[in-house]
Structure formats: C-alpha cells, structure tokens
Amino acid sequence: MSSITAQSRLVATYSSPDNKHFTVTKTLNSPPSASPQDKTSYLEGLRKAVTETQEQINKELTARMEEDVARGTATAQDKEEENYGEEVQEEED
C-alpha cells in the first residue's frame, strides 16, 4: 500500500523593474495526523523554512542593493565627468 503525503509550499517572490526577479520556494510535508506531536513537528519545519527563506531573501536583496549603489556611483561619476570644469546649477525642489 502506498502512502501519499500532502505537501505545503512556502513561496516568496521578488520583482522589480530595475533588478532581476527571484523566487524562493520551500516544500513542507503536511502533518500526517492532527496529533500534537505531528503538528509540533510540522510547525518546527515551517519555522525552519521561514528562517531559511528570510536568509535567502536577505542575501538576494543585499546583492541588489550593492548593484544599485554601484549603478548610482557610476552614474554620479559619469555626471561629474560630463560637467568637469563647468559650473553646475543645482535644481531646487
């Protein structure tokens, strides 16, 4: 006799017009019964999956922030080179 284990998925998706999209997916086995031990085990697995997902999201977002900073630095340097030796009027808000 084969047993079929129901599964749940934890999915986090990031999308941005300026950066590469990413998705983090964790698959969890649903508790085989409603017993407190099975529910506790499931919740421990869910907690671990959430922590791992958060760590992956933090790594991905940190990398994107560094890309944004590098792009911003390059843009500022390009603008500075473009205006080298010229008086530049700052725009007022």
PDB file of N, CA and C in Angstrom:
ATOM      1  N   MET A   1       0.844  -1.158   0.000  1.00  0.00           N
ATOM      2  CA  MET A   1       0.000   0.000   0.000  1.00  0.00           C
ATOM      3  C   MET A   1       0.901   1.237   0.000  1.00  0.00           C
ATOM      4  N   SER A   2       0.606   2.177  -0.868  1.00  0.00           N
ATOM      5  CA  SER A   2       1.417   3.390  -0.935  1.00  0.00           C
ATOM      6  C   SER A   2       0.745   4.489  -0.135  1.00  0.00           C
ATOM      7  N   SER A   3       1.562   5.313   0.442  1.00  0.00           N
ATOM      8  CA  SER A   3       1.002   6.436   1.196  1.00  0.00           C
ATOM      9  C   SER A   3       1.316   7.724   0.452  1.00  0.00           C
ATOM     10  N   ILE A   4       0.349   8.573   0.424  1.00  0.00           N
ATOM     11  CA  ILE A   4       0.516   9.869  -0.231  1.00  0.00           C
ATOM     12  C   ILE A   4       0.596  10.923   0.863  1.00  0.00           C
ATOM     13  N   THR A   5       1.668  11.676   0.841  1.00  0.00           N
ATOM     14  CA  THR A   5       1.862  12.723   1.834  1.00  0.00           C
ATOM     15  C   THR A   5       1.486  14.059   1.211  1.00  0.00           C
ATOM     16  N   ALA A   6       0.559  14.750   1.848  1.00  0.00           N
ATOM     17  CA  ALA A   6       0.186  16.076   1.368  1.00  0.00           C
ATOM     18  C   ALA A   6       1.345  17.029   1.641  1.00  0.00           C
ATOM     19  N   GLN A   7       1.490  17.986   0.741  1.00  0.00           N
ATOM     20  CA  GLN A   7       2.584  18.938   0.902  1.00  0.00           C
ATOM     21  C   GLN A   7       2.060  20.363   0.846  1.00  0.00           C
ATOM     22  N   SER A   8       2.768  21.220   1.520  1.00  0.00           N
ATOM     23  CA  SER A   8       2.503  22.656   1.507  1.00  0.00           C
ATOM     24  C   SER A   8       3.740  23.335   0.942  1.00  0.00           C
ATOM     25  N   ARG A   9       3.537  24.513   0.374  1.00  0.00           N
ATOM     26  CA  ARG A   9       4.680  25.262  -0.147  1.00  0.00           C
ATOM     27  C   ARG A   9       4.710  26.651   0.474  1.00  0.00           C
ATOM     28  N   LEU A  10       5.902  27.062   0.818  1.00  0.00           N
ATOM     29  CA  LEU A  10       6.168  28.424   1.267  1.00  0.00           C
ATOM     30  C   LEU A  10       6.866  29.100   0.095  1.00  0.00           C
ATOM     31  N   VAL A  11       6.254  30.160  -0.447  1.00  0.00           N
ATOM     32  CA  VAL A  11       6.795  30.816  -1.637  1.00  0.00           C
ATOM     33  C   VAL A  11       6.934  32.310  -1.374  1.00  0.00           C
ATOM     34  N   ALA A  12       8.107  32.847  -1.698  1.00  0.00           N
ATOM     35  CA  ALA A  12       8.353  34.290  -1.630  1.00  0.00           C
ATOM     36  C   ALA A  12       8.882  34.714  -2.996  1.00  0.00           C
ATOM     37  N   THR A  13       8.262  35.730  -3.585  1.00  0.00           N
ATOM     38  CA  THR A  13       8.652  36.194  -4.914  1.00  0.00           C
ATOM     39  C   THR A  13       9.013  37.671  -4.848  1.00  0.00           C
ATOM     40  N   TYR A  14      10.115  38.032  -5.502  1.00  0.00           N
ATOM     41  CA  TYR A  14      10.569  39.420  -5.578  1.00  0.00           C
ATOM     42  C   TYR A  14      10.566  39.831  -7.038  1.00  0.00           C
ATOM     43  N   SER A  15       9.977  40.982  -7.312  1.00  0.00           N
ATOM     44  CA  SER A  15      10.041  41.512  -8.673  1.00  0.00           C
ATOM     45  C   SER A  15      10.311  43.007  -8.590  1.00  0.00           C
ATOM     46  N   SER A  16      11.057  43.481  -9.575  1.00  0.00           N
ATOM     47  CA  SER A  16      11.455  44.880  -9.602  1.00  0.00           C
ATOM     48  C   SER A  16      11.657  45.288 -11.052  1.00  0.00           C
ATOM     49  N   PRO A  17      11.329  46.520 -11.387  1.00  0.00           N
ATOM     50  CA  PRO A  17      11.576  46.967 -12.756  1.00  0.00           C
ATOM     51  C   PRO A  17      13.068  47.156 -13.051  1.00  0.00           C
ATOM     52  N   ASP A  18      13.885  47.282 -11.999  1.00  0.00           N
ATOM     53  CA  ASP A  18      15.303  47.573 -12.186  1.00  0.00           C
ATOM     54  C   ASP A  18      16.237  46.404 -11.924  1.00  0.00           C
ATOM     55  N   ASN A  19      15.768  45.379 -11.224  1.00  0.00           N
ATOM     56  CA  ASN A  19      16.634  44.267 -10.838  1.00  0.00           C
ATOM     57  C   ASN A  19      16.047  42.934 -11.288  1.00  0.00           C
ATOM     58  N   LYS A  20      16.909  41.930 -11.274  1.00  0.00           N
ATOM     59  CA  LYS A  20      16.497  40.580 -11.635  1.00  0.00           C
ATOM     60  C   LYS A  20      15.497  40.044 -10.608  1.00  0.00           C
ATOM     61  N   HIS A  21      14.450  39.387 -11.088  1.00  0.00           N
ATOM     62  CA  HIS A  21      13.438  38.792 -10.213  1.00  0.00           C
ATOM     63  C   HIS A  21      13.980  37.515  -9.594  1.00  0.00           C
ATOM     64  N   PHE A  22      13.417  37.123  -8.457  1.00  0.00           N
ATOM     65  CA  PHE A  22      13.756  35.826  -7.883  1.00  0.00           C
ATOM     66  C   PHE A  22      12.583  35.287  -7.077  1.00  0.00           C
ATOM     67  N   THR A  23      12.560  33.974  -6.934  1.00  0.00           N
ATOM     68  CA  THR A  23      11.543  33.289  -6.144  1.00  0.00           C
ATOM     69  C   THR A  23      12.242  32.282  -5.249  1.00  0.00           C
ATOM     70  N   VAL A  24      11.831  32.239  -4.005  1.00  0.00           N
ATOM     71  CA  VAL A  24      12.334  31.249  -3.057  1.00  0.00           C
ATOM     72  C   VAL A  24      11.149  30.350  -2.714  1.00  0.00           C
ATOM     73  N   THR A  25      11.328  29.042  -2.887  1.00  0.00           N
ATOM     74  CA  THR A  25      10.258  28.088  -2.606  1.00  0.00           C
ATOM     75  C   THR A  25      10.764  27.010  -1.665  1.00  0.00           C
ATOM     76  N   LYS A  26      10.011  26.749  -0.643  1.00  0.00           N
ATOM     77  CA  LYS A  26      10.298  25.660   0.299  1.00  0.00           C
ATOM     78  C   LYS A  26       9.069  24.759   0.324  1.00  0.00           C
ATOM     79  N   THR A  27       9.289  23.454   0.200  1.00  0.00           N
ATOM     80  CA  THR A  27       8.203  22.485   0.252  1.00  0.00           C
ATOM     81  C   THR A  27       8.225  21.790   1.604  1.00  0.00           C
ATOM     82  N   LEU A  28       7.061  21.705   2.197  1.00  0.00           N
ATOM     83  CA  LEU A  28       6.924  21.094   3.521  1.00  0.00           C
ATOM     84  C   LEU A  28       5.913  19.959   3.448  1.00  0.00           C
ATOM     85  N   ASN A  29       6.187  18.881   4.150  1.00  0.00           N
ATOM     86  CA  ASN A  29       5.202  17.816   4.272  1.00  0.00           C
ATOM     87  C   ASN A  29       4.175  18.238   5.308  1.00  0.00           C
ATOM     88  N   SER A  30       2.910  18.140   4.951  1.00  0.00           N
ATOM     89  CA  SER A  30       1.846  18.454   5.903  1.00  0.00           C
ATOM     90  C   SER A  30       1.845  17.408   7.007  1.00  0.00           C
ATOM     91  N   PRO A  31       1.330  17.759   8.173  1.00  0.00           N
ATOM     92  CA  PRO A  31       1.323  16.779   9.259  1.00  0.00           C
ATOM     93  C   PRO A  31       0.468  15.567   8.874  1.00  0.00           C
ATOM     94  N   PRO A  32       0.966  14.357   9.123  1.00  0.00           N
ATOM     95  CA  PRO A  32       0.213  13.165   8.739  1.00  0.00           C
ATOM     96  C   PRO A  32      -1.053  12.968   9.570  1.00  0.00           C
ATOM     97  N   SER A  33      -1.104  13.588  10.734  1.00  0.00           N
ATOM     98  CA  SER A  33      -2.301  13.486  11.571  1.00  0.00           C
ATOM     99  C   SER A  33      -2.459  14.785  12.348  1.00  0.00           C
ATOM    100  N   ALA A  34      -3.548  14.862  13.075  1.00  0.00           N
ATOM    101  CA  ALA A  34      -3.817  16.059  13.868  1.00  0.00           C
ATOM    102  C   ALA A  34      -3.263  15.948  15.284  1.00  0.00           C
ATOM    103  N   SER A  35      -2.398  14.977  15.490  1.00  0.00           N
ATOM    104  CA  SER A  35      -1.841  14.798  16.835  1.00  0.00           C
ATOM    105  C   SER A  35      -0.933  15.974  17.189  1.00  0.00           C
ATOM    106  N   PRO A  36      -0.855  16.295  18.458  1.00  0.00           N
ATOM    107  CA  PRO A  36       0.019  17.402  18.874  1.00  0.00           C
ATOM    108  C   PRO A  36       1.475  17.202  18.440  1.00  0.00           C
ATOM    109  N   GLN A  37       1.980  15.967  18.485  1.00  0.00           N
ATOM    110  CA  GLN A  37       3.367  15.716  18.081  1.00  0.00           C
ATOM    111  C   GLN A  37       3.565  16.028  16.594  1.00  0.00           C
ATOM    112  N   ASP A  38       2.615  15.593  15.751  1.00  0.00           N
ATOM    113  CA  ASP A  38       2.737  15.850  14.313  1.00  0.00           C
ATOM    114  C   ASP A  38       2.612  17.340  14.009  1.00  0.00           C
ATOM    115  N   LYS A  39       1.687  18.005  14.677  1.00  0.00           N
ATOM    116  CA  LYS A  39       1.532  19.449  14.473  1.00  0.00           C
ATOM    117  C   LYS A  39       2.783  20.198  14.929  1.00  0.00           C
ATOM    118  N   THR A  40       3.336  19.784  16.061  1.00  0.00           N
ATOM    119  CA  THR A  40       4.555  20.414  16.578  1.00  0.00           C
ATOM    120  C   THR A  40       5.712  20.215  15.613  1.00  0.00           C
ATOM    121  N   SER A  41       5.837  19.012  15.099  1.00  0.00           N
ATOM    122  CA  SER A  41       6.902  18.713  14.138  1.00  0.00           C
ATOM    123  C   SER A  41       6.736  19.556  12.872  1.00  0.00           C
ATOM    124  N   TYR A  42       5.498  19.674  12.395  1.00  0.00           N
ATOM    125  CA  TYR A  42       5.222  20.482  11.208  1.00  0.00           C
ATOM    126  C   TYR A  42       5.585  21.945  11.460  1.00  0.00           C
ATOM    127  N   LEU A  43       5.185  22.471  12.605  1.00  0.00           N
ATOM    128  CA  LEU A  43       5.480  23.872  12.922  1.00  0.00           C
ATOM    129  C   LEU A  43       6.979  24.122  13.068  1.00  0.00           C
ATOM    130  N   GLU A  44       7.712  23.150  13.601  1.00  0.00           N
ATOM    131  CA  GLU A  44       9.172  23.278  13.675  1.00  0.00           C
ATOM    132  C   GLU A  44       9.766  23.348  12.270  1.00  0.00           C
ATOM    133  N   GLY A  45       9.268  22.498  11.370  1.00  0.00           N
ATOM    134  CA  GLY A  45       9.734  22.520   9.982  1.00  0.00           C
ATOM    135  C   GLY A  45       9.379  23.822   9.290  1.00  0.00           C
ATOM    136  N   LEU A  46       8.178  24.325   9.561  1.00  0.00           N
ATOM    137  CA  LEU A  46       7.746  25.596   8.978  1.00  0.00           C
ATOM    138  C   LEU A  46       8.620  26.737   9.483  1.00  0.00           C
ATOM    139  N   ARG A  47       8.889  26.753  10.766  1.00  0.00           N
ATOM    140  CA  ARG A  47       9.750  27.798  11.347  1.00  0.00           C
ATOM    141  C   ARG A  47      11.133  27.769  10.692  1.00  0.00           C
ATOM    142  N   LYS A  48      11.685  26.571  10.518  1.00  0.00           N
ATOM    143  CA  LYS A  48      12.993  26.429   9.875  1.00  0.00           C
ATOM    144  C   LYS A  48      12.934  26.922   8.428  1.00  0.00           C
ATOM    145  N   ALA A  49      11.869  26.574   7.708  1.00  0.00           N
ATOM    146  CA  ALA A  49      11.723  27.002   6.312  1.00  0.00           C
ATOM    147  C   ALA A  49      11.603  28.519   6.210  1.00  0.00           C
ATOM    148  N   VAL A  50      10.872  29.129   7.128  1.00  0.00           N
ATOM    149  CA  VAL A  50      10.722  30.588   7.128  1.00  0.00           C
ATOM    150  C   VAL A  50      12.074  31.258   7.387  1.00  0.00           C
ATOM    151  N   THR A  51      12.822  30.736   8.338  1.00  0.00           N
ATOM    152  CA  THR A  51      14.147  31.292   8.649  1.00  0.00           C
ATOM    153  C   THR A  51      15.077  31.171   7.446  1.00  0.00           C
ATOM    154  N   GLU A  52      15.093  30.004   6.801  1.00  0.00           N
ATOM    155  CA  GLU A  52      15.942  29.805   5.620  1.00  0.00           C
ATOM    156  C   GLU A  52      15.512  30.719   4.479  1.00  0.00           C
ATOM    157  N   THR A  53      14.201  30.878   4.313  1.00  0.00           N
ATOM    158  CA  THR A  53      13.682  31.761   3.265  1.00  0.00           C
ATOM    159  C   THR A  53      14.103  33.198   3.534  1.00  0.00           C
ATOM    160  N   GLN A  54      13.976  33.636   4.759  1.00  0.00           N
ATOM    161  CA  GLN A  54      14.376  35.002   5.119  1.00  0.00           C
ATOM    162  C   GLN A  54      15.864  35.225   4.884  1.00  0.00           C
ATOM    163  N   GLU A  55      16.686  34.248   5.222  1.00  0.00           N
ATOM    164  CA  GLU A  55      18.130  34.367   4.985  1.00  0.00           C
ATOM    165  C   GLU A  55      18.421  34.502   3.494  1.00  0.00           C
ATOM    166  N   GLN A  56      17.740  33.699   2.673  1.00  0.00           N
ATOM    167  CA  GLN A  56      17.954  33.764   1.223  1.00  0.00           C
ATOM    168  C   GLN A  56      17.487  35.109   0.669  1.00  0.00           C
ATOM    169  N   ILE A  57      16.337  35.582   1.140  1.00  0.00           N
ATOM    170  CA  ILE A  57      15.827  36.884   0.704  1.00  0.00           C
ATOM    171  C   ILE A  57      16.819  37.982   1.080  1.00  0.00           C
ATOM    172  N   ASN A  58      17.336  37.946   2.298  1.00  0.00           N
ATOM    173  CA  ASN A  58      18.306  38.958   2.733  1.00  0.00           C
ATOM    174  C   ASN A  58      19.548  38.958   1.852  1.00  0.00           C
ATOM    175  N   LYS A  59      20.062  37.773   1.503  1.00  0.00           N
ATOM    176  CA  LYS A  59      21.234  37.690   0.620  1.00  0.00           C
ATOM    177  C   LYS A  59      20.924  38.290  -0.744  1.00  0.00           C
ATOM    178  N   GLU A  60      19.768  37.927  -1.295  1.00  0.00           N
ATOM    179  CA  GLU A  60      19.390  38.426  -2.623  1.00  0.00           C
ATOM    180  C   GLU A  60      19.207  39.943  -2.611  1.00  0.00           C
ATOM    181  N   LEU A  61      18.517  40.460  -1.604  1.00  0.00           N
ATOM    182  CA  LEU A  61      18.282  41.902  -1.544  1.00  0.00           C
ATOM    183  C   LEU A  61      19.563  42.682  -1.283  1.00  0.00           C
ATOM    184  N   THR A  62      20.454  42.132  -0.475  1.00  0.00           N
ATOM    185  CA  THR A  62      21.748  42.781  -0.243  1.00  0.00           C
ATOM    186  C   THR A  62      22.526  42.878  -1.547  1.00  0.00           C
ATOM    187  N   ALA A  63      22.522  41.808  -2.326  1.00  0.00           N
ATOM    188  CA  ALA A  63      23.216  41.823  -3.623  1.00  0.00           C
ATOM    189  C   ALA A  63      22.610  42.884  -4.537  1.00  0.00           C
ATOM    190  N   ARG A  64      21.289  43.008  -4.539  1.00  0.00           N
ATOM    191  CA  ARG A  64      20.632  44.000  -5.387  1.00  0.00           C
ATOM    192  C   ARG A  64      20.915  45.422  -4.904  1.00  0.00           C
ATOM    193  N   MET A  65      20.979  45.610  -3.590  1.00  0.00           N
ATOM    194  CA  MET A  65      21.323  46.930  -3.060  1.00  0.00           C
ATOM    195  C   MET A  65      22.734  47.319  -3.479  1.00  0.00           C
ATOM    196  N   GLU A  66      23.655  46.366  -3.432  1.00  0.00           N
ATOM    197  CA  GLU A  66      25.029  46.637  -3.853  1.00  0.00           C
ATOM    198  C   GLU A  66      25.079  46.976  -5.340  1.00  0.00           C
ATOM    199  N   GLU A  67      24.265  46.290  -6.155  1.00  0.00           N
ATOM    200  CA  GLU A  67      24.194  46.610  -7.582  1.00  0.00           C
ATOM    201  C   GLU A  67      23.656  48.027  -7.774  1.00  0.00           C
ATOM    202  N   ASP A  68      22.604  48.379  -7.022  1.00  0.00           N
ATOM    203  CA  ASP A  68      22.027  49.721  -7.123  1.00  0.00           C
ATOM    204  C   ASP A  68      23.041  50.790  -6.741  1.00  0.00           C
ATOM    205  N   VAL A  69      23.785  50.548  -5.662  1.00  0.00           N
ATOM    206  CA  VAL A  69      24.806  51.506  -5.222  1.00  0.00           C
ATOM    207  C   VAL A  69      25.878  51.648  -6.295  1.00  0.00           C
ATOM    208  N   ALA A  70      26.311  50.528  -6.863  1.00  0.00           N
ATOM    209  CA  ALA A  70      27.337  50.573  -7.912  1.00  0.00           C
ATOM    210  C   ALA A  70      26.822  51.344  -9.123  1.00  0.00           C
ATOM    211  N   ARG A  71      25.559  51.118  -9.482  1.00  0.00           N
ATOM    212  CA  ARG A  71      24.964  51.850 -10.610  1.00  0.00           C
ATOM    213  C   ARG A  71      24.877  53.333 -10.288  1.00  0.00           C
ATOM    214  N   GLY A  72      24.473  53.666  -9.065  1.00  0.00           N
ATOM    215  CA  GLY A  72      24.359  55.063  -8.654  1.00  0.00           C
ATOM    216  C   GLY A  72      25.700  55.750  -8.614  1.00  0.00           C
ATOM    217  N   THR A  73      26.716  55.059  -8.135  1.00  0.00           N
ATOM    218  CA  THR A  73      28.070  55.610  -8.086  1.00  0.00           C
ATOM    219  C   THR A  73      28.577  55.862  -9.493  1.00  0.00           C
ATOM    220  N   ALA A  74      28.342  54.908 -10.375  1.00  0.00           N
ATOM    221  CA  ALA A  74      28.787  55.066 -11.763  1.00  0.00           C
ATOM    222  C   ALA A  74      28.067  56.243 -12.411  1.00  0.00           C
ATOM    223  N   THR A  75      26.777  56.395 -12.151  1.00  0.00           N
ATOM    224  CA  THR A  75      26.009  57.497 -12.718  1.00  0.00           C
ATOM    225  C   THR A  75      26.520  58.832 -12.191  1.00  0.00           C
ATOM    226  N   ALA A  76      26.787  58.914 -10.895  1.00  0.00           N
ATOM    227  CA  ALA A  76      27.298  60.158 -10.308  1.00  0.00           C
ATOM    228  C   ALA A  76      28.670  60.501 -10.886  1.00  0.00           C
ATOM    229  N   GLN A  77      29.520  59.491 -11.061  1.00  0.00           N
ATOM    230  CA  GLN A  77      30.845  59.730 -11.632  1.00  0.00           C
ATOM    231  C   GLN A  77      30.730  60.173 -13.087  1.00  0.00           C
ATOM    232  N   ASP A  78      29.828  59.559 -13.841  1.00  0.00           N
ATOM    233  CA  ASP A  78      29.624  59.959 -15.235  1.00  0.00           C
ATOM    234  C   ASP A  78      29.160  61.409 -15.311  1.00  0.00           C
ATOM    235  N   LYS A  79      28.233  61.781 -14.432  1.00  0.00           N
ATOM    236  CA  LYS A  79      27.718  63.146 -14.422  1.00  0.00           C
ATOM    237  C   LYS A  79      28.829  64.124 -14.051  1.00  0.00           C
ATOM    238  N   GLU A  80      29.656  63.744 -13.076  1.00  0.00           N
ATOM    239  CA  GLU A  80      30.764  64.596 -12.649  1.00  0.00           C
ATOM    240  C   GLU A  80      31.757  64.794 -13.798  1.00  0.00           C
ATOM    241  N   GLU A  81      32.075  63.727 -14.507  1.00  0.00           N
ATOM    242  CA  GLU A  81      32.996  63.831 -15.641  1.00  0.00           C
ATOM    243  C   GLU A  81      32.395  64.682 -16.751  1.00  0.00           C
ATOM    244  N   GLU A  82      31.099  64.529 -16.974  1.00  0.00           N
ATOM    245  CA  GLU A  82      30.418  65.282 -18.022  1.00  0.00           C
ATOM    246  C   GLU A  82      30.471  66.783 -17.739  1.00  0.00           C
ATOM    247  N   ASN A  83      30.377  67.145 -16.470  1.00  0.00           N
ATOM    248  CA  ASN A  83      30.342  68.556 -16.087  1.00  0.00           C
ATOM    249  C   ASN A  83      31.686  69.076 -15.592  1.00  0.00           C
ATOM    250  N   TYR A  84      32.761  68.339 -15.775  1.00  0.00           N
ATOM    251  CA  TYR A  84      34.072  68.727 -15.271  1.00  0.00           C
ATOM    252  C   TYR A  84      34.474  70.089 -15.830  1.00  0.00           C
ATOM    253  N   GLY A  85      34.837  70.984 -14.934  1.00  0.00           N
ATOM    254  CA  GLY A  85      35.305  72.306 -15.347  1.00  0.00           C
ATOM    255  C   GLY A  85      34.179  73.281 -15.626  1.00  0.00           C
ATOM    256  N   GLU A  86      32.940  72.853 -15.485  1.00  0.00           N
ATOM    257  CA  GLU A  86      31.804  73.737 -15.726  1.00  0.00           C
ATOM    258  C   GLU A  86      31.089  74.009 -14.411  1.00  0.00           C
ATOM    259  N   GLU A  87      30.492  75.172 -14.352  1.00  0.00           N
ATOM    260  CA  GLU A  87      29.698  75.495 -13.173  1.00  0.00           C
ATOM    261  C   GLU A  87      28.323  74.863 -13.350  1.00  0.00           C
ATOM    262  N   VAL A  88      27.933  74.065 -12.384  1.00  0.00           N
ATOM    263  CA  VAL A  88      26.655  73.364 -12.476  1.00  0.00           C
ATOM    264  C   VAL A  88      25.684  73.973 -11.484  1.00  0.00           C
ATOM    265  N   GLN A  89      24.515  74.333 -11.981  1.00  0.00           N
ATOM    266  CA  GLN A  89      23.476  74.890 -11.121  1.00  0.00           C
ATOM    267  C   GLN A  89      22.644  73.738 -10.567  1.00  0.00           C
ATOM    268  N   GLU A  90      22.500  73.707  -9.256  1.00  0.00           N
ATOM    269  CA  GLU A  90      21.688  72.674  -8.611  1.00  0.00           C
ATOM    270  C   GLU A  90      20.219  73.025  -8.784  1.00  0.00           C
ATOM    271  N   GLU A  91      19.391  72.015  -9.038  1.00  0.00           N
ATOM    272  CA  GLU A  91      17.954  72.239  -9.135  1.00  0.00           C
ATOM    273  C   GLU A  91      17.382  72.358  -7.735  1.00  0.00           C
ATOM    274  N   GLU A  92      16.437  73.293  -7.583  1.00  0.00           N
ATOM    275  CA  GLU A  92      15.783  73.461  -6.292  1.00  0.00           C
ATOM    276  C   GLU A  92      14.483  72.688  -6.303  1.00  0.00           C
ATOM    277  N   ASP A  93      14.140  72.132  -5.145  1.00  0.00           N
ATOM    278  CA  ASP A  93      12.889  71.368  -5.040  1.00  0.00           C
ATOM    279  C   ASP A  93      11.704  72.264  -4.888  1.00  0.00           C
TER     280      ASP A  93
END
